Protein backbone atom coordinates (compact mmCIF):
# COMPACT_ATOMS: atom_id res chain seq x y z
CA MET A 1 113.45 125.03 57.33
CA SER A 2 115.34 123.45 60.19
CA LEU A 3 118.17 120.99 59.90
CA VAL A 4 118.13 117.46 61.19
CA ILE A 5 121.65 116.23 61.87
CA SER A 6 122.60 112.79 63.16
CA THR A 7 125.97 111.18 63.75
CA THR A 8 126.64 107.47 63.64
CA SER A 9 129.76 105.37 63.93
CA GLY A 10 130.63 103.06 61.08
CA ASP A 11 133.34 100.63 60.03
CA LYS A 12 135.66 103.37 58.79
CA GLY A 13 134.80 106.29 61.06
CA LEU A 14 131.89 108.63 61.63
CA MET A 15 129.01 109.52 59.37
CA VAL A 16 127.14 112.78 59.79
CA ARG A 17 123.76 112.76 58.04
CA VAL A 18 122.23 116.11 57.22
CA ALA A 19 118.61 116.70 56.20
CA GLY A 20 117.12 120.04 55.22
CA GLU A 21 118.23 123.21 53.51
CA VAL A 22 121.60 124.54 54.67
CA ASP A 23 121.84 128.32 54.65
CA VAL A 24 123.05 131.25 56.70
CA SER A 25 120.25 130.76 59.23
CA ASN A 26 121.44 127.30 60.30
CA ALA A 27 125.03 126.90 59.09
CA ASP A 28 126.31 127.35 62.66
CA GLU A 29 124.33 124.27 63.67
CA LEU A 30 126.05 122.25 60.94
CA ARG A 31 129.46 123.67 61.87
CA ASP A 32 128.94 122.71 65.53
CA ALA A 33 127.92 119.15 64.59
CA LEU A 34 130.90 118.70 62.28
CA ASP A 35 133.32 120.21 64.82
CA SER A 36 131.97 117.82 67.45
CA ALA A 37 132.42 114.86 65.10
CA LEU A 38 136.01 115.91 64.34
CA ALA A 39 136.78 116.32 68.03
CA GLY A 40 135.50 112.81 68.65
CA LEU A 41 137.64 111.39 65.85
CA VAL A 42 140.77 113.13 67.13
CA GLU A 43 140.37 111.16 70.36
CA THR A 44 140.21 107.80 68.53
CA ASP A 45 142.10 105.84 65.91
CA GLU A 46 139.31 106.38 63.39
CA ARG A 47 140.38 108.67 60.57
CA SER A 48 137.32 109.12 58.38
CA LEU A 49 134.37 111.50 58.41
CA GLU A 50 131.61 111.10 55.85
CA ILE A 51 129.06 113.88 55.46
CA ASP A 52 125.89 112.51 53.89
CA LEU A 53 124.03 115.23 52.00
CA SER A 54 121.47 112.96 50.31
CA GLU A 55 118.64 114.81 52.06
CA VAL A 56 119.96 118.33 51.46
CA PRO A 57 118.08 119.94 48.55
CA TYR A 58 119.84 123.30 48.87
CA ILE A 59 123.09 124.67 50.28
CA ASP A 60 124.21 128.29 50.12
CA SER A 61 127.71 129.76 50.22
CA THR A 62 127.72 129.82 54.02
CA GLY A 63 127.01 126.09 54.16
CA ILE A 64 129.64 125.40 51.52
CA GLY A 65 132.11 127.40 53.61
CA VAL A 66 131.31 125.17 56.58
CA LEU A 67 132.15 122.08 54.51
CA VAL A 68 135.43 123.57 53.25
CA GLY A 69 136.41 124.67 56.76
CA THR A 70 135.71 121.19 58.07
CA VAL A 71 137.99 119.66 55.44
CA HIS A 72 140.79 122.09 56.35
CA ARG A 73 140.46 121.40 60.10
CA ALA A 74 140.35 117.65 59.44
CA ASP A 75 143.53 117.85 57.36
CA GLU A 76 145.36 119.18 60.42
CA HIS A 77 144.64 115.85 62.14
CA ASP A 78 145.04 113.52 59.12
CA ILE A 79 141.31 112.82 59.04
CA ALA A 80 139.81 112.12 55.63
CA VAL A 81 136.53 113.89 54.90
CA SER A 82 134.13 113.00 52.13
CA VAL A 83 130.81 114.47 51.07
CA ALA A 84 128.56 111.59 50.07
CA ARG A 85 125.43 111.35 47.96
CA PRO A 86 124.74 115.05 47.34
CA GLN A 87 121.55 115.69 45.40
CA ARG A 88 122.15 116.60 41.78
CA ASN A 89 121.75 120.37 42.20
CA VAL A 90 124.07 120.44 45.24
CA ALA A 91 126.67 118.30 43.42
CA ARG A 92 126.41 120.60 40.41
CA ILE A 93 127.13 123.70 42.51
CA LEU A 94 130.08 122.02 44.23
CA GLY A 95 131.41 121.01 40.80
CA LEU A 96 130.97 124.50 39.34
CA LEU A 97 132.89 125.93 42.28
CA GLY A 98 135.70 123.41 41.71
CA LEU A 99 135.22 121.85 45.13
CA SER A 100 134.26 118.28 44.25
CA GLU A 101 137.78 116.92 44.62
CA GLU A 102 138.66 118.94 47.72
CA LEU A 103 135.44 117.80 49.42
CA GLY A 104 135.85 114.20 48.29
CA VAL A 105 132.40 114.20 46.70
CA SER A 106 131.15 110.70 46.00
CA ASP A 107 127.89 108.99 45.20
CA GLY A 108 128.41 106.85 48.30
CA GLN A 109 128.37 103.54 46.48
CA ASP A 110 131.81 102.53 47.81
CA ARG A 111 130.78 102.56 51.47
């Protein structure tokens, strides 16, 4: 299954919407999109990146590594990253791995 990734600008920064299963076969595509979004934010005063996973039914360890790496790179530039609206099974895996807080997982209701 291929990924569909779109980036939009919002009131507080950028939102990257991801649709499809994230696994080793397409994690590089997600990494490239998130790196591009971070690079764009570094050039502006915006300091927020939201990654919307509401249309991601599955993410493997490679995809999770991409999310964690993005958070670490964003921290270097004082950019806040949040993972919004993950489907229940994705949120459960992130919680079991102890990553919910580090990834700023939210249901997206505060945006």
